[in-house]
Amino acid sequence: MVLNGCFPNLATFNVRIQFLVNKGRAWDANKLIGFMHRLDIIPDEVTYNLLIKGFCRAGYVDMAKRVYSHLNDRGIEPNIKIYQTMIHYLCRAGDFDLAYTMTKNSMEKNWFPSIDTILKLLEGLRKNGKIDKARLIITLAQKRIPPFSAHQMRTMQLMLSRR
């Protein structure tokens, strides 16, 4: 690419990072972000969301948490896609306390995870005896603009009544 006078930019690196993530090579994606910094190409929310997803998919949820926790240090404000990715994979990993906190924080900004992710969180909270937290998530979901459908809200309520 460089030999042809074409220099990589942020989009070029994001495509490469996506490729590495899809191949299960999160650590290589992380190294590529280090290389980006050396070239003064600043990673954005898309870059970090890809990296977080890559670490989660590869089974390194703790590393994804570290990347997430350092976003503010890098001048990155987590957006809806980063919250969705983190909450989804935290639920899959069984870390319902942190998933709850992130869901609550995102919902307060009117950023809502997918209905499937919310249901997985509610199920995990219910199974762990944290019904009050689950009820708060439903209360916040009721305030969504645009609102969830009546069917989706009933499904959330039913999740709490299961045994």
C-alpha atoms as a PDB file:
ATOM      1  CA  MET A   1       0.000   0.000   0.000  1.00  0.00           C
ATOM      2  CA  VAL A   2       2.700   2.474   1.040  1.00  0.00           C
ATOM      3  CA  LEU A   3       4.781   1.421  -1.974  1.00  0.00           C
ATOM      4  CA  ASN A   4       1.971   2.663  -4.193  1.00  0.00           C
ATOM      5  CA  GLY A   5       1.927   6.060  -2.456  1.00  0.00           C
ATOM      6  CA  CYS A   6      -1.204   5.196  -0.496  1.00  0.00           C
ATOM      7  CA  PHE A   7      -0.867   5.734   3.244  1.00  0.00           C
ATOM      8  CA  PRO A   8      -3.120   3.975   5.755  1.00  0.00           C
ATOM      9  CA  ASN A   9      -5.627   6.070   7.670  1.00  0.00           C
ATOM     10  CA  LEU A  10      -8.035   5.368  10.526  1.00  0.00           C
ATOM     11  CA  ALA A  11     -10.537   3.593   8.261  1.00  0.00           C
ATOM     12  CA  THR A  12      -7.783   1.392   6.819  1.00  0.00           C
ATOM     13  CA  PHE A  13      -6.678   0.347  10.292  1.00  0.00           C
ATOM     14  CA  ASN A  14     -10.266  -0.285  11.441  1.00  0.00           C
ATOM     15  CA  VAL A  15     -10.801  -2.641   8.505  1.00  0.00           C
ATOM     16  CA  ARG A  16      -7.587  -4.480   9.368  1.00  0.00           C
ATOM     17  CA  ILE A  17      -8.560  -4.671  13.050  1.00  0.00           C
ATOM     18  CA  GLN A  18     -11.990  -6.032  12.063  1.00  0.00           C
ATOM     19  CA  PHE A  19     -10.240  -8.712   9.997  1.00  0.00           C
ATOM     20  CA  LEU A  20      -8.014  -9.681  12.930  1.00  0.00           C
ATOM     21  CA  VAL A  21     -10.979  -9.789  15.315  1.00  0.00           C
ATOM     22  CA  ASN A  22     -12.914 -11.994  12.890  1.00  0.00           C
ATOM     23  CA  LYS A  23      -9.936 -14.375  12.795  1.00  0.00           C
ATOM     24  CA  GLY A  24      -9.792 -14.533  16.621  1.00  0.00           C
ATOM     25  CA  ARG A  25      -6.553 -12.549  16.778  1.00  0.00           C
ATOM     26  CA  ALA A  26      -7.417  -9.920  19.396  1.00  0.00           C
ATOM     27  CA  TRP A  27      -3.845  -9.659  20.657  1.00  0.00           C
ATOM     28  CA  ASP A  28      -2.620  -8.843  17.143  1.00  0.00           C
ATOM     29  CA  ALA A  29      -5.376  -6.231  16.873  1.00  0.00           C
ATOM     30  CA  ASN A  30      -4.151  -4.738  20.146  1.00  0.00           C
ATOM     31  CA  LYS A  31      -0.584  -4.564  18.786  1.00  0.00           C
ATOM     32  CA  LEU A  32      -1.897  -2.863  15.654  1.00  0.00           C
ATOM     33  CA  ILE A  33      -3.464  -0.154  17.806  1.00  0.00           C
ATOM     34  CA  GLY A  34      -0.032   0.434  19.343  1.00  0.00           C
ATOM     35  CA  PHE A  35       1.362   0.807  15.824  1.00  0.00           C
ATOM     36  CA  MET A  36      -1.396   3.291  15.001  1.00  0.00           C
ATOM     37  CA  HIS A  37      -0.297   5.452  17.927  1.00  0.00           C
ATOM     38  CA  ARG A  38       3.295   5.411  16.693  1.00  0.00           C
ATOM     39  CA  LEU A  39       2.016   6.715  13.338  1.00  0.00           C
ATOM     40  CA  ASP A  40      -0.038   9.421  15.115  1.00  0.00           C
ATOM     41  CA  ILE A  41      -3.280   7.850  13.922  1.00  0.00           C
ATOM     42  CA  ILE A  42      -5.681   8.127  16.839  1.00  0.00           C
ATOM     43  CA  PRO A  43      -8.033   5.162  17.350  1.00  0.00           C
ATOM     44  CA  ASP A  44     -11.713   6.077  17.675  1.00  0.00           C
ATOM     45  CA  GLU A  45     -14.812   4.510  19.250  1.00  0.00           C
ATOM     46  CA  VAL A  46     -15.101   2.046  16.361  1.00  0.00           C
ATOM     47  CA  THR A  47     -11.506   0.902  16.863  1.00  0.00           C
ATOM     48  CA  TYR A  48     -11.953   0.303  20.575  1.00  0.00           C
ATOM     49  CA  ASN A  49     -15.340  -1.371  20.131  1.00  0.00           C
ATOM     50  CA  LEU A  50     -13.723  -3.802  17.700  1.00  0.00           C
ATOM     51  CA  LEU A  51     -10.903  -4.484  20.155  1.00  0.00           C
ATOM     52  CA  ILE A  52     -13.321  -5.023  23.054  1.00  0.00           C
ATOM     53  CA  LYS A  53     -15.375  -7.403  20.913  1.00  0.00           C
ATOM     54  CA  GLY A  54     -12.224  -9.220  19.839  1.00  0.00           C
ATOM     55  CA  PHE A  55     -11.030  -9.812  23.386  1.00  0.00           C
ATOM     56  CA  CYS A  56     -14.491 -10.942  24.487  1.00  0.00           C
ATOM     57  CA  ARG A  57     -14.883 -13.356  21.579  1.00  0.00           C
ATOM     58  CA  ALA A  58     -11.434 -14.799  22.292  1.00  0.00           C
ATOM     59  CA  GLY A  59     -12.389 -15.376  25.930  1.00  0.00           C
ATOM     60  CA  TYR A  60     -10.398 -12.492  27.424  1.00  0.00           C
ATOM     61  CA  VAL A  61     -13.291 -10.619  29.043  1.00  0.00           C
ATOM     62  CA  ASP A  62     -10.991  -9.234  31.738  1.00  0.00           C
ATOM     63  CA  MET A  63      -8.797  -7.687  29.052  1.00  0.00           C
ATOM     64  CA  ALA A  64     -11.901  -6.207  27.407  1.00  0.00           C
ATOM     65  CA  LYS A  65     -12.814  -4.690  30.790  1.00  0.00           C
ATOM     66  CA  ARG A  66      -9.329  -3.149  30.995  1.00  0.00           C
ATOM     67  CA  VAL A  67      -9.663  -1.646  27.517  1.00  0.00           C
ATOM     68  CA  TYR A  68     -13.081  -0.273  28.468  1.00  0.00           C
ATOM     69  CA  SER A  69     -11.822   1.170  31.757  1.00  0.00           C
ATOM     70  CA  HIS A  70      -9.063   3.074  29.954  1.00  0.00           C
ATOM     71  CA  LEU A  71     -11.292   4.668  27.310  1.00  0.00           C
ATOM     72  CA  ASN A  72     -11.664   7.934  29.226  1.00  0.00           C
ATOM     73  CA  ASP A  73      -7.871   8.104  29.634  1.00  0.00           C
ATOM     74  CA  ARG A  74      -7.666   8.026  25.842  1.00  0.00           C
ATOM     75  CA  GLY A  75     -10.308  10.727  25.398  1.00  0.00           C
ATOM     76  CA  ILE A  76     -12.954   8.278  24.236  1.00  0.00           C
ATOM     77  CA  GLU A  77     -16.486   8.510  25.631  1.00  0.00           C
ATOM     78  CA  PRO A  78     -18.209   5.105  25.477  1.00  0.00           C
ATOM     79  CA  ASN A  79     -21.060   5.180  22.974  1.00  0.00           C
ATOM     80  CA  ILE A  80     -24.111   2.974  22.487  1.00  0.00           C
ATOM     81  CA  LYS A  81     -22.188   0.383  20.459  1.00  0.00           C
ATOM     82  CA  ILE A  82     -19.461   0.046  23.092  1.00  0.00           C
ATOM     83  CA  TYR A  83     -22.076  -0.322  25.840  1.00  0.00           C
ATOM     84  CA  GLN A  84     -23.968  -2.922  23.771  1.00  0.00           C
ATOM     85  CA  THR A  85     -20.807  -4.929  23.144  1.00  0.00           C
ATOM     86  CA  MET A  86     -19.684  -4.842  26.769  1.00  0.00           C
ATOM     87  CA  ILE A  87     -23.119  -5.648  28.232  1.00  0.00           C
ATOM     88  CA  HIS A  88     -23.692  -8.491  25.768  1.00  0.00           C
ATOM     89  CA  TYR A  89     -20.377 -10.181  26.496  1.00  0.00           C
ATOM     90  CA  LEU A  90     -20.521  -9.519  30.253  1.00  0.00           C
ATOM     91  CA  CYS A  91     -23.861 -11.327  30.328  1.00  0.00           C
ATOM     92  CA  ARG A  92     -22.400 -14.215  28.338  1.00  0.00           C
ATOM     93  CA  ALA A  93     -19.527 -14.374  30.846  1.00  0.00           C
ATOM     94  CA  GLY A  94     -21.929 -14.277  33.812  1.00  0.00           C
ATOM     95  CA  ASP A  95     -20.752 -10.904  35.152  1.00  0.00           C
ATOM     96  CA  PHE A  96     -24.264  -9.608  35.762  1.00  0.00           C
ATOM     97  CA  ASP A  97     -23.265  -7.009  38.358  1.00  0.00           C
ATOM     98  CA  LEU A  98     -21.064  -5.055  35.964  1.00  0.00           C
ATOM     99  CA  ALA A  99     -23.533  -5.653  33.117  1.00  0.00           C
ATOM    100  CA  TYR A 100     -26.265  -4.187  35.344  1.00  0.00           C
ATOM    101  CA  THR A 101     -24.203  -1.098  36.147  1.00  0.00           C
ATOM    102  CA  MET A 102     -23.352  -0.505  32.493  1.00  0.00           C
ATOM    103  CA  THR A 103     -26.951  -1.083  31.418  1.00  0.00           C
ATOM    104  CA  LYS A 104     -28.214   1.359  34.019  1.00  0.00           C
ATOM    105  CA  ASN A 105     -25.641   3.963  32.955  1.00  0.00           C
ATOM    106  CA  SER A 106     -26.441   3.554  29.269  1.00  0.00           C
ATOM    107  CA  MET A 107     -30.210   3.634  29.796  1.00  0.00           C
ATOM    108  CA  GLU A 108     -29.903   6.864  31.753  1.00  0.00           C
ATOM    109  CA  LYS A 109     -28.424   8.332  28.542  1.00  0.00           C
ATOM    110  CA  ASN A 110     -31.350   6.869  26.534  1.00  0.00           C
ATOM    111  CA  TRP A 111     -28.957   4.307  25.024  1.00  0.00           C
ATOM    112  CA  PHE A 112     -30.545   0.897  25.252  1.00  0.00           C
ATOM    113  CA  PRO A 113     -29.005  -2.503  24.640  1.00  0.00           C
ATOM    114  CA  SER A 114     -30.861  -4.847  22.316  1.00  0.00           C
ATOM    115  CA  ILE A 115     -33.922  -6.568  23.714  1.00  0.00           C
ATOM    116  CA  ASP A 116     -32.090  -9.914  23.623  1.00  0.00           C
ATOM    117  CA  THR A 117     -29.266  -8.502  25.734  1.00  0.00           C
ATOM    118  CA  ILE A 118     -31.708  -6.948  28.216  1.00  0.00           C
ATOM    119  CA  LEU A 119     -33.523 -10.273  28.542  1.00  0.00           C
ATOM    120  CA  LYS A 120     -30.231 -12.110  29.157  1.00  0.00           C
ATOM    121  CA  LEU A 121     -29.368  -9.552  31.851  1.00  0.00           C
ATOM    122  CA  LEU A 122     -32.795  -9.867  33.492  1.00  0.00           C
ATOM    123  CA  GLU A 123     -32.488 -13.645  33.468  1.00  0.00           C
ATOM    124  CA  GLY A 124     -29.050 -13.474  35.088  1.00  0.00           C
ATOM    125  CA  LEU A 125     -30.162 -11.003  37.727  1.00  0.00           C
ATOM    126  CA  ARG A 126     -33.230 -13.128  38.513  1.00  0.00           C
ATOM    127  CA  LYS A 127     -31.193 -16.340  38.801  1.00  0.00           C
ATOM    128  CA  ASN A 128     -28.771 -14.558  41.140  1.00  0.00           C
ATOM    129  CA  GLY A 129     -31.583 -13.262  43.367  1.00  0.00           C
ATOM    130  CA  LYS A 130     -31.191  -9.624  42.333  1.00  0.00           C
ATOM    131  CA  ILE A 131     -34.836  -8.967  41.553  1.00  0.00           C
ATOM    132  CA  ASP A 132     -34.693  -5.316  42.709  1.00  0.00           C
ATOM    133  CA  LYS A 133     -31.960  -4.599  40.167  1.00  0.00           C
ATOM    134  CA  ALA A 134     -33.957  -6.375  37.461  1.00  0.00           C
ATOM    135  CA  ARG A 135     -37.044  -4.329  38.326  1.00  0.00           C
ATOM    136  CA  LEU A 136     -35.030  -1.118  38.042  1.00  0.00           C
ATOM    137  CA  ILE A 137     -33.883  -2.133  34.548  1.00  0.00           C
ATOM    138  CA  ILE A 138     -37.522  -2.675  33.561  1.00  0.00           C
ATOM    139  CA  THR A 139     -38.476   0.706  35.047  1.00  0.00           C
ATOM    140  CA  LEU A 140     -35.743   2.386  32.993  1.00  0.00           C
ATOM    141  CA  ALA A 141     -36.839   0.435  29.905  1.00  0.00           C
ATOM    142  CA  GLN A 142     -40.349   1.836  30.331  1.00  0.00           C
ATOM    143  CA  LYS A 143     -38.914   5.353  29.967  1.00  0.00           C
ATOM    144  CA  ARG A 144     -37.273   4.609  26.608  1.00  0.00           C
ATOM    145  CA  ILE A 145     -37.882   7.040  23.764  1.00  0.00           C
ATOM    146  CA  PRO A 146     -38.994   5.665  21.359  1.00  0.00           C
ATOM    147  CA  PRO A 147     -40.639   3.111  23.624  1.00  0.00           C
ATOM    148  CA  PHE A 148     -40.187  -0.624  23.510  1.00  0.00           C
ATOM    149  CA  SER A 149     -43.239  -2.401  22.116  1.00  0.00           C
ATOM    150  CA  ALA A 150     -45.901  -3.701  24.478  1.00  0.00           C
ATOM    151  CA  HIS A 151     -44.843  -7.247  23.551  1.00  0.00           C
ATOM    152  CA  GLN A 152     -41.201  -6.519  24.440  1.00  0.00           C
ATOM    153  CA  MET A 153     -42.203  -4.988  27.778  1.00  0.00           C
ATOM    154  CA  ARG A 154     -44.422  -8.013  28.597  1.00  0.00           C
ATOM    155  CA  THR A 155     -41.518 -10.313  27.730  1.00  0.00           C
ATOM    156  CA  MET A 156     -39.282  -8.420  30.167  1.00  0.00           C
ATOM    157  CA  GLN A 157     -41.924  -8.662  32.913  1.00  0.00           C
ATOM    158  CA  LEU A 158     -42.380 -12.391  32.254  1.00  0.00           C
ATOM    159  CA  MET A 159     -38.629 -12.935  32.600  1.00  0.00           C
ATOM    160  CA  LEU A 160     -38.912 -11.979  36.276  1.00  0.00           C
ATOM    161  CA  SER A 161     -41.781 -14.356  36.972  1.00  0.00           C
ATOM    162  CA  ARG A 162     -39.958 -17.460  35.664  1.00  0.00           C
ATOM    163  CA  ARG A 163     -38.486 -19.898  38.121  1.00  0.00           C
END
